C-alpha atoms as a PDB file:
ATOM      1  CA  UNK A   1     116.979-106.910-120.313  1.00  0.00           C
ATOM      2  CA  UNK A   2     113.505-106.574-118.800  1.00  0.00           C
ATOM      3  CA  UNK A   3     113.675-105.872-115.092  1.00  0.00           C
ATOM      4  CA  UNK A   4     111.019-107.416-112.560  1.00  0.00           C
ATOM      5  CA  UNK A   5     109.068-104.647-111.217  1.00  0.00           C
ATOM      6  CA  UNK A   6     108.933-105.029-107.070  1.00  0.00           C
ATOM      7  CA  UNK A   7     105.175-105.248-105.935  1.00  0.00           C
ATOM      8  CA  UNK A   8     104.143-103.592-102.648  1.00  0.00           C
ATOM      9  CA  UNK A   9     102.637-105.771-100.915  1.00  0.00           C
ATOM     10  CA  UNK A  10     100.280-103.275 -98.742  1.00  0.00           C
ATOM     11  CA  UNK A  11      99.386-101.758-102.156  1.00  0.00           C
ATOM     12  CA  UNK A  12      98.258-105.131-103.599  1.00  0.00           C
ATOM     13  CA  UNK A  13      96.293-105.580-100.187  1.00  0.00           C
ATOM     14  CA  UNK A  14      94.692-102.731-100.604  1.00  0.00           C
ATOM     15  CA  UNK A  15      93.577-103.544-104.004  1.00  0.00           C
ATOM     16  CA  UNK A  16      92.323-107.000-103.015  1.00  0.00           C
ATOM     17  CA  UNK A  17      89.850-105.348-100.607  1.00  0.00           C
ATOM     18  CA  UNK A  18      88.439-102.747-102.618  1.00  0.00           C
ATOM     19  CA  UNK A  19      87.832-105.394-105.250  1.00  0.00           C
ATOM     20  CA  UNK A  20      86.208-107.546-102.363  1.00  0.00           C
ATOM     21  CA  UNK A  21      84.074-104.754-101.347  1.00  0.00           C
ATOM     22  CA  UNK A  22      82.616-104.026-104.882  1.00  0.00           C
ATOM     23  CA  UNK A  23      78.922-104.792-105.382  1.00  0.00           C
ATOM     24  CA  UNK A  24      77.638-107.999-107.076  1.00  0.00           C
ATOM     25  CA  UNK A  25      76.317-105.675-110.296  1.00  0.00           C
ATOM     26  CA  UNK A  26      79.686-103.630-110.109  1.00  0.00           C
ATOM     27  CA  UNK A  27      81.328-106.800-110.886  1.00  0.00           C
ATOM     28  CA  UNK A  28      79.165-108.493-113.229  1.00  0.00           C
ATOM     29  CA  UNK A  29      76.880-105.857-114.429  1.00  0.00           C
ATOM     30  CA  UNK A  30      78.593-105.521-117.368  1.00  0.00           C
ATOM     31  CA  UNK A  31      78.133-109.216-118.544  1.00  0.00           C
ATOM     32  CA  UNK A  32      74.460-108.679-118.211  1.00  0.00           C
ATOM     33  CA  UNK A  33      74.205-105.458-120.067  1.00  0.00           C
ATOM     34  CA  UNK A  34      76.138-107.811-122.838  1.00  0.00           C
ATOM     35  CA  UNK A  35      73.528-110.464-122.320  1.00  0.00           C
ATOM     36  CA  UNK A  36      70.206-107.771-122.524  1.00  0.00           C
ATOM     37  CA  UNK A  37      69.490-107.967-126.191  1.00  0.00           C
ATOM     38  CA  UNK A  38      69.668-111.973-126.907  1.00  0.00           C
ATOM     39  CA  UNK A  39      67.503-112.244-123.321  1.00  0.00           C
ATOM     40  CA  UNK A  40      64.844-109.834-124.671  1.00  0.00           C
ATOM     41  CA  UNK A  41      64.521-111.579-127.844  1.00  0.00           C
ATOM     42  CA  UNK A  42      64.156-114.461-126.110  1.00  0.00           C
ATOM     43  CA  UNK A  43      61.454-113.482-124.092  1.00  0.00           C
ATOM     44  CA  UNK A  44      59.616-111.633-126.806  1.00  0.00           C
ATOM     45  CA  UNK A  45      60.171-114.930-129.415  1.00  0.00           C
ATOM     46  CA  UNK A  46      60.400-117.680-127.373  1.00  0.00           C
ATOM     47  CA  UNK A  47      58.375-117.436-123.889  1.00  0.00           C
ATOM     48  CA  UNK A  48      55.599-114.426-124.504  1.00  0.00           C
ATOM     49  CA  UNK A  49      53.658-117.032-127.273  1.00  0.00           C
ATOM     50  CA  UNK A  50      53.312-119.414-124.447  1.00  0.00           C
ATOM     51  CA  UNK A  51      50.824-117.013-123.178  1.00  0.00           C
ATOM     52  CA  UNK A  52      48.647-118.362-125.704  1.00  0.00           C
ATOM     53  CA  UNK A  53      48.398-121.842-123.918  1.00  0.00           C
ATOM     54  CA  UNK A  54      45.532-120.808-121.996  1.00  0.00           C
ATOM     55  CA  UNK A  55      43.300-121.353-125.034  1.00  0.00           C
ATOM     56  CA  UNK A  56      43.723-124.731-124.326  1.00  0.00           C
ATOM     57  CA  UNK A  57      41.591-124.373-121.119  1.00  0.00           C
ATOM     58  CA  UNK A  58      38.789-121.761-122.417  1.00  0.00           C
ATOM     59  CA  UNK A  59      35.609-122.607-124.997  1.00  0.00           C
ATOM     60  CA  UNK A  60      36.983-119.503-127.083  1.00  0.00           C
ATOM     61  CA  UNK A  61      34.248-117.121-128.032  1.00  0.00           C
ATOM     62  CA  UNK A  62      35.247-114.649-130.651  1.00  0.00           C
ATOM     63  CA  UNK A  63      33.131-112.067-129.981  1.00  0.00           C
ATOM     64  CA  UNK A  64      34.043-111.912-126.589  1.00  0.00           C
ATOM     65  CA  UNK A  65      37.978-112.530-127.219  1.00  0.00           C
ATOM     66  CA  UNK A  66      40.109-114.979-125.980  1.00  0.00           C
ATOM     67  CA  UNK A  67      40.475-113.417-122.339  1.00  0.00           C
ATOM     68  CA  UNK A  68      36.491-113.108-121.962  1.00  0.00           C
ATOM     69  CA  UNK A  69      35.799-116.594-123.053  1.00  0.00           C
ATOM     70  CA  UNK A  70      34.597-118.936-120.394  1.00  0.00           C
ATOM     71  CA  UNK A  71      37.193-121.102-118.681  1.00  0.00           C
ATOM     72  CA  UNK A  72      36.760-125.153-119.325  1.00  0.00           C
ATOM     73  CA  UNK A  73      39.301-126.490-117.401  1.00  0.00           C
ATOM     74  CA  UNK A  74      40.352-129.700-118.714  1.00  0.00           C
ATOM     75  CA  UNK A  75      37.156-130.214-120.606  1.00  0.00           C
ATOM     76  CA  UNK A  76      39.199-129.605-124.120  1.00  0.00           C
ATOM     77  CA  UNK A  77      41.912-132.566-123.177  1.00  0.00           C
ATOM     78  CA  UNK A  78      39.277-134.938-121.880  1.00  0.00           C
ATOM     79  CA  UNK A  79      37.432-134.717-124.914  1.00  0.00           C
ATOM     80  CA  UNK A  80      40.598-135.265-127.147  1.00  0.00           C
ATOM     81  CA  UNK A  81      41.338-138.422-125.193  1.00  0.00           C
ATOM     82  CA  UNK A  82      38.010-139.223-125.302  1.00  0.00           C
ATOM     83  CA  UNK A  83      38.481-140.145-128.940  1.00  0.00           C
ATOM     84  CA  UNK A  84      40.559-143.114-130.542  1.00  0.00           C
ATOM     85  CA  UNK A  85      42.427-139.705-132.492  1.00  0.00           C
ATOM     86  CA  UNK A  86      44.648-139.110-129.472  1.00  0.00           C
ATOM     87  CA  UNK A  87      46.301-143.136-129.544  1.00  0.00           C
ATOM     88  CA  UNK A  88      46.214-142.915-133.250  1.00  0.00           C
ATOM     89  CA  UNK A  89      48.166-139.596-133.530  1.00  0.00           C
ATOM     90  CA  UNK A  90      50.109-140.498-130.073  1.00  0.00           C
ATOM     91  CA  UNK A  91      51.387-143.851-132.107  1.00  0.00           C
ATOM     92  CA  UNK A  92      52.023-142.698-135.520  1.00  0.00           C
ATOM     93  CA  UNK A  93      54.102-139.797-134.323  1.00  0.00           C
ATOM     94  CA  UNK A  94      56.216-141.692-131.727  1.00  0.00           C
ATOM     95  CA  UNK A  95      56.710-144.573-133.923  1.00  0.00           C
ATOM     96  CA  UNK A  96      57.921-142.403-137.053  1.00  0.00           C
ATOM     97  CA  UNK A  97      60.376-140.386-135.167  1.00  0.00           C
ATOM     98  CA  UNK A  98      62.029-143.175-133.365  1.00  0.00           C
ATOM     99  CA  UNK A  99      62.135-144.288-136.978  1.00  0.00           C
ATOM    100  CA  UNK A 100      63.924-141.471-138.302  1.00  0.00           C
ATOM    101  CA  UNK A 101      66.087-141.335-135.450  1.00  0.00           C
ATOM    102  CA  UNK A 102      67.589-144.547-135.745  1.00  0.00           C
ATOM    103  CA  UNK A 103      68.026-144.205-139.614  1.00  0.00           C
ATOM    104  CA  UNK A 104      69.682-140.804-138.959  1.00  0.00           C
ATOM    105  CA  UNK A 105      71.862-142.150-136.971  1.00  0.00           C
ATOM    106  CA  UNK A 106      73.146-145.492-138.357  1.00  0.00           C
ATOM    107  CA  UNK A 107      72.968-144.046-142.189  1.00  0.00           C
ATOM    108  CA  UNK A 108      74.527-141.191-141.276  1.00  0.00           C
ATOM    109  CA  UNK A 109      77.253-142.909-139.342  1.00  0.00           C
ATOM    110  CA  UNK A 110      77.541-144.856-142.035  1.00  0.00           C
ATOM    111  CA  UNK A 111      78.032-142.423-145.089  1.00  0.00           C
ATOM    112  CA  UNK A 112      80.393-140.044-142.993  1.00  0.00           C
ATOM    113  CA  UNK A 113      82.432-143.315-142.561  1.00  0.00           C
ATOM    114  CA  UNK A 114      82.777-144.086-146.395  1.00  0.00           C
ATOM    115  CA  UNK A 115      83.409-140.090-147.258  1.00  0.00           C
ATOM    116  CA  UNK A 116      86.243-140.410-144.573  1.00  0.00           C
ATOM    117  CA  UNK A 117      87.583-143.611-146.039  1.00  0.00           C
ATOM    118  CA  UNK A 118      87.376-142.287-149.744  1.00  0.00           C
ATOM    119  CA  UNK A 119      91.259-141.677-150.759  1.00  0.00           C
ATOM    120  CA  UNK A 120      89.870-138.775-153.300  1.00  0.00           C
ATOM    121  CA  UNK A 121      89.004-135.993-151.762  1.00  0.00           C
ATOM    122  CA  UNK A 122      87.435-134.222-154.796  1.00  0.00           C
ATOM    123  CA  UNK A 123      85.157-137.367-155.185  1.00  0.00           C
ATOM    124  CA  UNK A 124      84.175-137.319-151.654  1.00  0.00           C
ATOM    125  CA  UNK A 125      82.961-133.680-151.782  1.00  0.00           C
ATOM    126  CA  UNK A 126      81.310-134.352-154.991  1.00  0.00           C
ATOM    127  CA  UNK A 127      79.492-137.165-153.097  1.00  0.00           C
ATOM    128  CA  UNK A 128      78.873-134.997-150.093  1.00  0.00           C
ATOM    129  CA  UNK A 129      77.380-132.265-151.815  1.00  0.00           C
ATOM    130  CA  UNK A 130      75.066-134.468-154.064  1.00  0.00           C
ATOM    131  CA  UNK A 131      73.688-135.786-150.930  1.00  0.00           C
ATOM    132  CA  UNK A 132      73.576-132.698-149.436  1.00  0.00           C
ATOM    133  CA  UNK A 133      70.963-131.118-152.411  1.00  0.00           C
ATOM    134  CA  UNK A 134      67.753-132.745-151.157  1.00  0.00           C
ATOM    135  CA  UNK A 135      67.964-130.789-147.653  1.00  0.00           C
ATOM    136  CA  UNK A 136      67.710-127.631-149.274  1.00  0.00           C
ATOM    137  CA  UNK A 137      64.698-128.631-151.214  1.00  0.00           C
ATOM    138  CA  UNK A 138      61.035-127.831-150.230  1.00  0.00           C
ATOM    139  CA  UNK A 139      58.562-130.433-149.565  1.00  0.00           C
ATOM    140  CA  UNK A 140      56.147-128.989-152.298  1.00  0.00           C
ATOM    141  CA  UNK A 141      59.006-130.137-154.948  1.00  0.00           C
ATOM    142  CA  UNK A 142      59.563-133.696-153.171  1.00  0.00           C
ATOM    143  CA  UNK A 143      55.852-133.955-152.814  1.00  0.00           C
ATOM    144  CA  UNK A 144      55.555-133.412-156.771  1.00  0.00           C
ATOM    145  CA  UNK A 145      59.225-135.892-157.181  1.00  0.00           C
ATOM    146  CA  UNK A 146      57.309-138.751-155.149  1.00  0.00           C
ATOM    147  CA  UNK A 147      54.067-138.249-157.022  1.00  0.00           C
ATOM    148  CA  UNK A 148      55.922-138.579-160.356  1.00  0.00           C
ATOM    149  CA  UNK A 149      57.468-141.516-158.691  1.00  0.00           C
ATOM    150  CA  UNK A 150      54.178-142.943-157.321  1.00  0.00           C
ATOM    151  CA  UNK A 151      51.730-142.230-159.305  1.00  0.00           C
ATOM    152  CA  UNK A 152      49.363-144.867-160.277  1.00  0.00           C
ATOM    153  CA  UNK A 153      49.283-144.345-163.967  1.00  0.00           C
ATOM    154  CA  UNK A 154      52.447-142.795-165.102  1.00  0.00           C
ATOM    155  CA  UNK A 155      54.717-143.041-162.199  1.00  0.00           C
ATOM    156  CA  UNK A 156      58.349-144.442-162.499  1.00  0.00           C
ATOM    157  CA  UNK A 157      57.210-147.658-160.127  1.00  0.00           C
ATOM    158  CA  UNK A 158      54.416-148.653-161.812  1.00  0.00           C
ATOM    159  CA  UNK A 159      55.649-148.459-165.103  1.00  0.00           C
ATOM    160  CA  UNK A 160      59.282-149.666-164.954  1.00  0.00           C
ATOM    161  CA  UNK A 161      60.773-151.037-161.656  1.00  0.00           C
ATOM    162  CA  UNK A 162      57.433-153.363-160.506  1.00  0.00           C
ATOM    163  CA  UNK A 163      57.541-155.045-163.889  1.00  0.00           C
ATOM    164  CA  UNK A 164      61.180-155.788-163.953  1.00  0.00           C
ATOM    165  CA  UNK A 165      60.232-157.757-160.782  1.00  0.00           C
ATOM    166  CA  UNK A 166      57.007-159.333-162.420  1.00  0.00           C
ATOM    167  CA  UNK A 167      54.700-157.069-160.824  1.00  0.00           C
ATOM    168  CA  UNK A 168      52.025-156.582-163.617  1.00  0.00           C
ATOM    169  CA  UNK A 169      48.819-155.263-161.783  1.00  0.00           C
ATOM    170  CA  UNK A 170      49.914-151.545-160.769  1.00  0.00           C
ATOM    171  CA  UNK A 171      49.618-150.389-157.300  1.00  0.00           C
ATOM    172  CA  UNK A 172      47.630-147.088-155.936  1.00  0.00           C
ATOM    173  CA  UNK A 173      49.823-145.630-153.438  1.00  0.00           C
ATOM    174  CA  UNK A 174      47.873-143.192-152.445  1.00  0.00           C
ATOM    175  CA  UNK A 175      44.898-145.348-151.399  1.00  0.00           C
ATOM    176  CA  UNK A 176      46.710-148.299-149.349  1.00  0.00           C
ATOM    177  CA  UNK A 177      47.874-146.709-145.731  1.00  0.00           C
ATOM    178  CA  UNK A 178      50.306-150.047-145.237  1.00  0.00           C
ATOM    179  CA  UNK A 179      52.746-148.834-147.846  1.00  0.00           C
ATOM    180  CA  UNK A 180      53.833-145.388-146.264  1.00  0.00           C
ATOM    181  CA  UNK A 181      55.077-146.813-143.027  1.00  0.00           C
ATOM    182  CA  UNK A 182      57.844-147.382-145.384  1.00  0.00           C
ATOM    183  CA  UNK A 183      57.525-144.642-147.747  1.00  0.00           C
ATOM    184  CA  UNK A 184      58.057-141.935-145.464  1.00  0.00           C
ATOM    185  CA  UNK A 185      61.032-143.022-143.692  1.00  0.00           C
ATOM    186  CA  UNK A 186      62.536-143.395-146.879  1.00  0.00           C
ATOM    187  CA  UNK A 187      61.669-140.133-147.877  1.00  0.00           C
ATOM    188  CA  UNK A 188      62.392-138.200-145.195  1.00  0.00           C
ATOM    189  CA  UNK A 189      65.808-140.179-144.601  1.00  0.00           C
ATOM    190  CA  UNK A 190      66.634-139.354-148.541  1.00  0.00           C
ATOM    191  CA  UNK A 191      66.252-135.732-147.911  1.00  0.00           C
ATOM    192  CA  UNK A 192      68.133-135.526-144.579  1.00  0.00           C
ATOM    193  CA  UNK A 193      70.792-137.706-144.523  1.00  0.00           C
ATOM    194  CA  UNK A 194      73.550-135.032-146.324  1.00  0.00           C
ATOM    195  CA  UNK A 195      73.116-132.874-143.271  1.00  0.00           C
ATOM    196  CA  UNK A 196      73.403-135.421-140.618  1.00  0.00           C
ATOM    197  CA  UNK A 197      76.238-137.377-142.428  1.00  0.00           C
ATOM    198  CA  UNK A 198      78.262-133.773-143.023  1.00  0.00           C
ATOM    199  CA  UNK A 199      77.858-133.362-139.073  1.00  0.00           C
ATOM    200  CA  UNK A 200      79.289-136.700-138.309  1.00  0.00           C
ATOM    201  CA  UNK A 201      82.035-136.204-140.912  1.00  0.00           C
ATOM    202  CA  UNK A 202      83.388-133.177-139.152  1.00  0.00           C
ATOM    203  CA  UNK A 203      83.721-134.988-135.837  1.00  0.00           C
ATOM    204  CA  UNK A 204      85.530-137.733-137.562  1.00  0.00           C
ATOM    205  CA  UNK A 205      87.746-135.491-139.616  1.00  0.00           C
ATOM    206  CA  UNK A 206      88.291-133.905-136.007  1.00  0.00           C
ATOM    207  CA  UNK A 207      89.583-136.910-134.367  1.00  0.00           C
ATOM    208  CA  UNK A 208      93.536-136.918-134.185  1.00  0.00           C
ATOM    209  CA  UNK A 209      95.271-139.009-136.883  1.00  0.00           C
ATOM    210  CA  UNK A 210      98.045-140.559-134.414  1.00  0.00           C
ATOM    211  CA  UNK A 211      95.552-142.507-132.730  1.00  0.00           C
ATOM    212  CA  UNK A 212      94.867-144.723-136.060  1.00  0.00           C
ATOM    213  CA  UNK A 213      98.888-144.518-137.146  1.00  0.00           C
ATOM    214  CA  UNK A 214      99.145-146.179-133.593  1.00  0.00           C
ATOM    215  CA  UNK A 215      96.458-148.802-133.917  1.00  0.00           C
ATOM    216  CA  UNK A 216      97.885-149.898-137.203  1.00  0.00           C
ATOM    217  CA  UNK A 217     101.138-150.165-135.899  1.00  0.00           C
ATOM    218  CA  UNK A 218      99.504-152.387-133.384  1.00  0.00           C
ATOM    219  CA  UNK A 219      98.028-154.212-136.283  1.00  0.00           C
ATOM    220  CA  UNK A 220      94.230-153.186-136.284  1.00  0.00           C
ATOM    221  CA  UNK A 221      92.321-153.895-138.940  1.00  0.00           C
ATOM    222  CA  UNK A 222      89.780-150.607-140.152  1.00  0.00           C
ATOM    223  CA  UNK A 223      86.745-152.296-138.808  1.00  0.00           C
ATOM    224  CA  UNK A 224      88.448-152.356-135.371  1.00  0.00           C
ATOM    225  CA  UNK A 225      89.746-148.751-135.691  1.00  0.00           C
ATOM    226  CA  UNK A 226      86.036-147.726-136.673  1.00  0.00           C
ATOM    227  CA  UNK A 227      84.438-149.601-133.419  1.00  0.00           C
ATOM    228  CA  UNK A 228      87.694-148.535-130.792  1.00  0.00           C
ATOM    229  CA  UNK A 229      88.451-145.119-131.888  1.00  0.00           C
ATOM    230  CA  UNK A 230      86.143-143.241-134.437  1.00  0.00           C
ATOM    231  CA  UNK A 231      82.586-144.614-132.459  1.00  0.00           C
ATOM    232  CA  UNK A 232      83.880-143.535-128.913  1.00  0.00           C
ATOM    233  CA  UNK A 233      85.295-140.316-129.712  1.00  0.00           C
ATOM    234  CA  UNK A 234      82.387-139.043-131.782  1.00  0.00           C
ATOM    235  CA  UNK A 235      79.976-140.312-128.999  1.00  0.00           C
ATOM    236  CA  UNK A 236      79.508-136.647-128.004  1.00  0.00           C
ATOM    237  CA  UNK A 237      78.343-135.704-131.158  1.00  0.00           C
ATOM    238  CA  UNK A 238      76.013-138.684-131.729  1.00  0.00           C
ATOM    239  CA  UNK A 239      74.489-137.971-127.825  1.00  0.00           C
ATOM    240  CA  UNK A 240      73.681-134.368-128.685  1.00  0.00           C
ATOM    241  CA  UNK A 241      72.304-135.307-131.930  1.00  0.00           C
ATOM    242  CA  UNK A 242      70.202-137.894-130.339  1.00  0.00           C
ATOM    243  CA  UNK A 243      69.210-135.389-127.603  1.00  0.00           C
ATOM    244  CA  UNK A 244      68.334-132.521-130.151  1.00  0.00           C
ATOM    245  CA  UNK A 245      65.692-135.195-132.231  1.00  0.00           C
ATOM    246  CA  UNK A 246      64.345-136.744-128.949  1.00  0.00           C
ATOM    247  CA  UNK A 247      63.492-133.342-127.892  1.00  0.00           C
ATOM    248  CA  UNK A 248      61.333-132.818-131.019  1.00  0.00           C
ATOM    249  CA  UNK A 249      60.279-136.403-131.088  1.00  0.00           C
ATOM    250  CA  UNK A 250      56.306-135.330-130.245  1.00  0.00           C
ATOM    251  CA  UNK A 251      56.863-132.963-133.540  1.00  0.00           C
ATOM    252  CA  UNK A 252      56.379-134.103-136.632  1.00  0.00           C
ATOM    253  CA  UNK A 253      57.458-132.271-140.228  1.00  0.00           C
ATOM    254  CA  UNK A 254      54.428-131.072-141.222  1.00  0.00           C
ATOM    255  CA  UNK A 255      55.515-131.019-145.018  1.00  0.00           C
ATOM    256  CA  UNK A 256      56.322-134.722-144.785  1.00  0.00           C
ATOM    257  CA  UNK A 257      53.114-135.715-143.220  1.00  0.00           C
ATOM    258  CA  UNK A 258      50.618-133.188-145.367  1.00  0.00           C
ATOM    259  CA  UNK A 259      52.161-132.629-148.416  1.00  0.00           C
ATOM    260  CA  UNK A 260      53.753-135.695-149.296  1.00  0.00           C
ATOM    261  CA  UNK A 261      50.751-137.535-148.419  1.00  0.00           C
ATOM    262  CA  UNK A 262      48.496-135.319-150.736  1.00  0.00           C
ATOM    263  CA  UNK A 263      46.467-135.472-147.518  1.00  0.00           C
ATOM    264  CA  UNK A 264      44.959-138.399-148.959  1.00  0.00           C
ATOM    265  CA  UNK A 265      42.168-139.284-146.088  1.00  0.00           C
ATOM    266  CA  UNK A 266      42.586-143.251-146.577  1.00  0.00           C
ATOM    267  CA  UNK A 267      46.095-143.021-145.394  1.00  0.00           C
ATOM    268  CA  UNK A 268      44.987-141.350-142.286  1.00  0.00           C
ATOM    269  CA  UNK A 269      45.417-144.763-140.346  1.00  0.00           C
ATOM    270  CA  UNK A 270      49.457-144.472-140.816  1.00  0.00           C
ATOM    271  CA  UNK A 271      50.287-141.076-141.854  1.00  0.00           C
ATOM    272  CA  UNK A 272      47.978-139.045-139.046  1.00  0.00           C
ATOM    273  CA  UNK A 273      50.301-137.272-136.755  1.00  0.00           C
ATOM    274  CA  UNK A 274      49.860-134.366-133.902  1.00  0.00           C
ATOM    275  CA  UNK A 275      51.212-131.491-136.277  1.00  0.00           C
ATOM    276  CA  UNK A 276      48.298-132.413-139.158  1.00  0.00           C
ATOM    277  CA  UNK A 277      45.623-133.234-136.719  1.00  0.00           C
ATOM    278  CA  UNK A 278      46.066-129.670-134.812  1.00  0.00           C
ATOM    279  CA  UNK A 279      46.263-127.894-138.538  1.00  0.00           C
ATOM    280  CA  UNK A 280      43.156-129.940-139.474  1.00  0.00           C
ATOM    281  CA  UNK A 281      41.605-129.360-135.843  1.00  0.00           C
ATOM    282  CA  UNK A 282      41.686-125.426-136.207  1.00  0.00           C
ATOM    283  CA  UNK A 283      41.357-125.306-140.241  1.00  0.00           C
ATOM    284  CA  UNK A 284      38.454-128.214-141.125  1.00  0.00           C
ATOM    285  CA  UNK A 285      36.634-127.727-137.665  1.00  0.00           C
ATOM    286  CA  UNK A 286      37.598-124.361-136.349  1.00  0.00           C
ATOM    287  CA  UNK A 287      37.787-126.404-132.565  1.00  0.00           C
ATOM    288  CA  UNK A 288      40.779-123.821-131.687  1.00  0.00           C
ATOM    289  CA  UNK A 289      40.432-125.287-128.117  1.00  0.00           C
ATOM    290  CA  UNK A 290      40.862-128.850-129.167  1.00  0.00           C
ATOM    291  CA  UNK A 291      43.444-127.697-131.098  1.00  0.00           C
ATOM    292  CA  UNK A 292      45.603-125.962-128.695  1.00  0.00           C
ATOM    293  CA  UNK A 293      44.742-128.692-126.004  1.00  0.00           C
ATOM    294  CA  UNK A 294      46.782-131.165-128.673  1.00  0.00           C
ATOM    295  CA  UNK A 295      49.426-128.791-129.033  1.00  0.00           C
ATOM    296  CA  UNK A 296      49.975-128.133-125.509  1.00  0.00           C
ATOM    297  CA  UNK A 297      50.166-131.891-124.679  1.00  0.00           C
ATOM    298  CA  UNK A 298      52.600-132.381-127.674  1.00  0.00           C
ATOM    299  CA  UNK A 299      54.652-129.629-125.963  1.00  0.00           C
ATOM    300  CA  UNK A 300      54.492-131.036-122.281  1.00  0.00           C
ATOM    301  CA  UNK A 301      55.460-134.435-123.208  1.00  0.00           C
ATOM    302  CA  UNK A 302      58.261-133.645-125.487  1.00  0.00           C
ATOM    303  CA  UNK A 303      59.412-131.748-122.566  1.00  0.00           C
ATOM    304  CA  UNK A 304      59.141-134.496-120.120  1.00  0.00           C
ATOM    305  CA  UNK A 305      60.851-136.649-122.769  1.00  0.00           C
ATOM    306  CA  UNK A 306      63.984-134.680-123.035  1.00  0.00           C
ATOM    307  CA  UNK A 307      64.576-134.554-119.279  1.00  0.00           C
ATOM    308  CA  UNK A 308      63.900-138.227-119.141  1.00  0.00           C
ATOM    309  CA  UNK A 309      66.331-138.767-121.811  1.00  0.00           C
ATOM    310  CA  UNK A 310      69.134-136.274-120.560  1.00  0.00           C
ATOM    311  CA  UNK A 311      68.781-138.111-116.756  1.00  0.00           C
ATOM    312  CA  UNK A 312      69.524-141.405-118.239  1.00  0.00           C
ATOM    313  CA  UNK A 313      72.493-140.193-120.391  1.00  0.00           C
ATOM    314  CA  UNK A 314      73.693-138.714-117.156  1.00  0.00           C
ATOM    315  CA  UNK A 315      73.838-141.838-115.301  1.00  0.00           C
ATOM    316  CA  UNK A 316      75.328-143.117-117.850  1.00  0.00           C
ATOM    317  CA  UNK A 317      78.050-140.977-118.903  1.00  0.00           C
ATOM    318  CA  UNK A 318      77.645-137.497-116.799  1.00  0.00           C
ATOM    319  CA  UNK A 319      80.363-135.708-119.316  1.00  0.00           C
ATOM    320  CA  UNK A 320      77.796-136.326-122.061  1.00  0.00           C
ATOM    321  CA  UNK A 321      74.721-134.965-120.737  1.00  0.00           C
ATOM    322  CA  UNK A 322      73.313-131.810-121.793  1.00  0.00           C
ATOM    323  CA  UNK A 323      72.538-130.592-117.793  1.00  0.00           C
END
């Protein structure tokens, strides 16, 4: 039988005093050493490129270089906001991203609940795989799929679907901007909803089954179990995913808005967003100063929105806030 080793109170007090006298770096230095490679990558990859933001405050002269080009203060921002472009790209970017966030939440949770309710696990995995497949397709492939669907002359929509509903005249989808307010959310949801559904499904599967067994014994219906058990227990996952999406609410998917729309100028009223505007400003007009000003405006407002969103969530539920 193992015997307890008697401790010497004096020796324990000496060890405790020696530990307290250790310097901060002696105690925690090894942890900082372990963090050093990751911090170096973060510094070089994420923070060092931020020095390029000075371009937004300069009139760049390529013969002089960025550092020697003259400072112009907020002139690039004033020029950006003096046109109607600033309002148009801000409106389009915000509205589309709000629609995307809402659709990803409600449609993603709905599909996760349906997958979880399927009794056949094999059938459930088959549906999950089928829904996840579009997520791995590039926007170039999806662009041609959408074009094959909406082609004014030989597209499936004009040739087959619309005649079923009595519409005989073909629609030129790539010249009518109003239709793309609905087409873009549908395409974005179709491509990404498998990703969100799998995340929500993983959270649902992790819920202890004893909650549902107790609710069944109490006579709760399936809908009642969803509202009283499933939704509250996956709320932290929902909040984290929403915060991540809100953090990018000022960023638009370049492939979706530039390639899927085939960069049709007639659609700009409803398809021009900040990312495509920055690209066109630099590639088409060569105005790198205004493009950088638009990019900086995008980054700063996105950062402020994340802080505000986290503050609101912190006031509602402190445990669900990110920081």
